[in-house]
Amino acid sequence: MVQRLLLAAGLAPQVRATAAHALGHVGGASPATFWRTTVDRFTTDPVILPSLVYAIGVAGEDALLGDVRTNPNAGHDARAAAAWWLDMPRSTRIRARQ
């Protein structure tokens, strides 16, 4: 449901921002295609993308974190958050996901 709220057309920006924030805090798993779609759609969004980066880090999508970290179109906060996840020792990232 949270994924659908994030990607649904016609919803208020606050709903999308809340859905993006919630993704890293709800159970379940999202396919890599979902993460790629959301990053592509919200790359320049200074509110949603940093929340997505947190959720992507929790999900363990390290390659996508690397893409965000090096994307000049992503905002500073999102790039910094992606770098934070990737600079963390792998064992710590794994524990953070449990």
C-alpha atoms as a PDB file:
ATOM      1  CA  MET A   1       0.000   0.000   0.000  1.00  0.00           C
ATOM      2  CA  VAL A   2       2.785   2.427   0.872  1.00  0.00           C
ATOM      3  CA  GLN A   3       4.402   1.858  -2.511  1.00  0.00           C
ATOM      4  CA  ARG A   4       1.128   2.636  -4.263  1.00  0.00           C
ATOM      5  CA  LEU A   5       0.673   5.846  -2.261  1.00  0.00           C
ATOM      6  CA  LEU A   6       4.119   7.004  -3.268  1.00  0.00           C
ATOM      7  CA  LEU A   7       3.556   6.396  -6.972  1.00  0.00           C
ATOM      8  CA  ALA A   8      -0.176   7.178  -7.315  1.00  0.00           C
ATOM      9  CA  ALA A   9      -1.125  10.086  -9.550  1.00  0.00           C
ATOM     10  CA  GLY A  10      -3.037  13.036  -8.176  1.00  0.00           C
ATOM     11  CA  LEU A  11      -2.119  12.741  -4.502  1.00  0.00           C
ATOM     12  CA  ALA A  12      -0.956  15.688  -2.451  1.00  0.00           C
ATOM     13  CA  PRO A  13       2.819  16.096  -2.126  1.00  0.00           C
ATOM     14  CA  GLN A  14       2.493  15.614   1.637  1.00  0.00           C
ATOM     15  CA  VAL A  15       1.004  12.146   1.087  1.00  0.00           C
ATOM     16  CA  ARG A  16       3.919  11.161  -1.121  1.00  0.00           C
ATOM     17  CA  ALA A  17       6.434  12.550   1.365  1.00  0.00           C
ATOM     18  CA  THR A  18       4.818  10.605   4.195  1.00  0.00           C
ATOM     19  CA  ALA A  19       4.776   7.422   2.111  1.00  0.00           C
ATOM     20  CA  ALA A  20       8.464   7.855   1.253  1.00  0.00           C
ATOM     21  CA  HIS A  21       9.293   8.320   4.920  1.00  0.00           C
ATOM     22  CA  ALA A  22       7.250   5.265   5.920  1.00  0.00           C
ATOM     23  CA  LEU A  23       8.950   2.924   3.431  1.00  0.00           C
ATOM     24  CA  GLY A  24      12.002   2.470   5.615  1.00  0.00           C
ATOM     25  CA  HIS A  25       9.877   1.678   8.661  1.00  0.00           C
ATOM     26  CA  VAL A  26       7.381  -0.898   7.426  1.00  0.00           C
ATOM     27  CA  GLY A  27       7.984  -4.595   7.013  1.00  0.00           C
ATOM     28  CA  GLY A  28       8.185  -6.404   3.740  1.00  0.00           C
ATOM     29  CA  ALA A  29      10.429  -6.085   0.743  1.00  0.00           C
ATOM     30  CA  SER A  30      10.280  -4.134  -2.476  1.00  0.00           C
ATOM     31  CA  PRO A  31      11.674  -5.330  -5.790  1.00  0.00           C
ATOM     32  CA  ALA A  32      14.667  -3.569  -7.310  1.00  0.00           C
ATOM     33  CA  THR A  33      12.427  -2.297 -10.115  1.00  0.00           C
ATOM     34  CA  PHE A  34      10.320  -0.390  -7.580  1.00  0.00           C
ATOM     35  CA  TRP A  35      13.374   1.312  -6.092  1.00  0.00           C
ATOM     36  CA  ARG A  36      14.716   2.244  -9.526  1.00  0.00           C
ATOM     37  CA  THR A  37      11.329   3.639 -10.589  1.00  0.00           C
ATOM     38  CA  THR A  38      11.025   5.788  -7.483  1.00  0.00           C
ATOM     39  CA  VAL A  39      14.566   7.132  -7.688  1.00  0.00           C
ATOM     40  CA  ASP A  40      14.105   7.960 -11.359  1.00  0.00           C
ATOM     41  CA  ARG A  41      10.808   9.714 -10.634  1.00  0.00           C
ATOM     42  CA  PHE A  42      11.965  11.676  -7.581  1.00  0.00           C
ATOM     43  CA  THR A  43      15.656  12.326  -8.333  1.00  0.00           C
ATOM     44  CA  THR A  44      15.267  16.093  -8.087  1.00  0.00           C
ATOM     45  CA  ASP A  45      12.747  16.137  -5.213  1.00  0.00           C
ATOM     46  CA  PRO A  46      14.528  17.577  -2.141  1.00  0.00           C
ATOM     47  CA  VAL A  47      11.976  16.129   0.297  1.00  0.00           C
ATOM     48  CA  ILE A  48      11.136  12.699  -1.079  1.00  0.00           C
ATOM     49  CA  LEU A  49      14.531  11.523  -2.343  1.00  0.00           C
ATOM     50  CA  PRO A  50      16.342  11.722   1.024  1.00  0.00           C
ATOM     51  CA  SER A  51      13.570   9.631   2.610  1.00  0.00           C
ATOM     52  CA  LEU A  52      13.819   7.166  -0.247  1.00  0.00           C
ATOM     53  CA  VAL A  53      17.567   6.930   0.279  1.00  0.00           C
ATOM     54  CA  TYR A  54      16.969   5.917   3.881  1.00  0.00           C
ATOM     55  CA  ALA A  55      14.515   3.232   2.780  1.00  0.00           C
ATOM     56  CA  ILE A  56      16.885   2.082   0.031  1.00  0.00           C
ATOM     57  CA  GLY A  57      19.650   1.766   2.606  1.00  0.00           C
ATOM     58  CA  VAL A  58      17.426  -0.281   4.893  1.00  0.00           C
ATOM     59  CA  ALA A  59      16.486  -2.441   1.899  1.00  0.00           C
ATOM     60  CA  GLY A  60      20.137  -3.094   1.093  1.00  0.00           C
ATOM     61  CA  GLU A  61      20.053  -1.729  -2.442  1.00  0.00           C
ATOM     62  CA  ASP A  62      23.704  -0.689  -2.374  1.00  0.00           C
ATOM     63  CA  ALA A  63      24.113  -0.288  -6.135  1.00  0.00           C
ATOM     64  CA  LEU A  64      21.236   2.173  -6.211  1.00  0.00           C
ATOM     65  CA  LEU A  65      22.728   4.055  -3.259  1.00  0.00           C
ATOM     66  CA  GLY A  66      25.888   4.381  -5.318  1.00  0.00           C
ATOM     67  CA  ASP A  67      23.889   5.758  -8.220  1.00  0.00           C
ATOM     68  CA  VAL A  68      22.282   8.393  -5.999  1.00  0.00           C
ATOM     69  CA  ARG A  69      25.588   9.304  -4.379  1.00  0.00           C
ATOM     70  CA  THR A  70      27.157  10.116  -7.738  1.00  0.00           C
ATOM     71  CA  ASN A  71      24.124  11.654  -9.459  1.00  0.00           C
ATOM     72  CA  PRO A  72      24.652  15.415  -9.859  1.00  0.00           C
ATOM     73  CA  ASN A  73      20.881  15.869 -10.308  1.00  0.00           C
ATOM     74  CA  ALA A  74      20.131  14.450  -6.870  1.00  0.00           C
ATOM     75  CA  GLY A  75      20.117  17.016  -4.099  1.00  0.00           C
ATOM     76  CA  HIS A  76      22.942  17.402  -1.624  1.00  0.00           C
ATOM     77  CA  ASP A  77      20.969  15.829   1.248  1.00  0.00           C
ATOM     78  CA  ALA A  78      20.148  12.710  -0.774  1.00  0.00           C
ATOM     79  CA  ARG A  79      23.729  12.319  -1.993  1.00  0.00           C
ATOM     80  CA  ALA A  80      25.049  12.803   1.547  1.00  0.00           C
ATOM     81  CA  ALA A  81      22.583  10.233   2.918  1.00  0.00           C
ATOM     82  CA  ALA A  82      23.596   7.718   0.254  1.00  0.00           C
ATOM     83  CA  ALA A  83      27.262   8.305   1.077  1.00  0.00           C
ATOM     84  CA  TRP A  84      26.513   7.828   4.783  1.00  0.00           C
ATOM     85  CA  TRP A  85      24.989   4.410   4.108  1.00  0.00           C
ATOM     86  CA  LEU A  86      27.789   3.332   1.806  1.00  0.00           C
ATOM     87  CA  ASP A  87      30.572   4.608   4.064  1.00  0.00           C
ATOM     88  CA  MET A  88      29.215   2.548   6.951  1.00  0.00           C
ATOM     89  CA  PRO A  89      30.897  -0.837   7.416  1.00  0.00           C
ATOM     90  CA  ARG A  90      28.940  -3.581   5.662  1.00  0.00           C
ATOM     91  CA  SER A  91      28.410  -5.490   8.907  1.00  0.00           C
ATOM     92  CA  THR A  92      26.831  -2.416  10.505  1.00  0.00           C
ATOM     93  CA  ARG A  93      24.531  -1.916   7.502  1.00  0.00           C
ATOM     94  CA  ILE A  94      23.420  -5.530   7.765  1.00  0.00           C
ATOM     95  CA  ARG A  95      22.622  -5.126  11.462  1.00  0.00           C
ATOM     96  CA  ALA A  96      20.698  -1.909  10.741  1.00  0.00           C
ATOM     97  CA  ARG A  97      18.416  -3.879   8.419  1.00  0.00           C
ATOM     98  CA  GLN A  98      17.453  -6.437  11.058  1.00  0.00           C
END
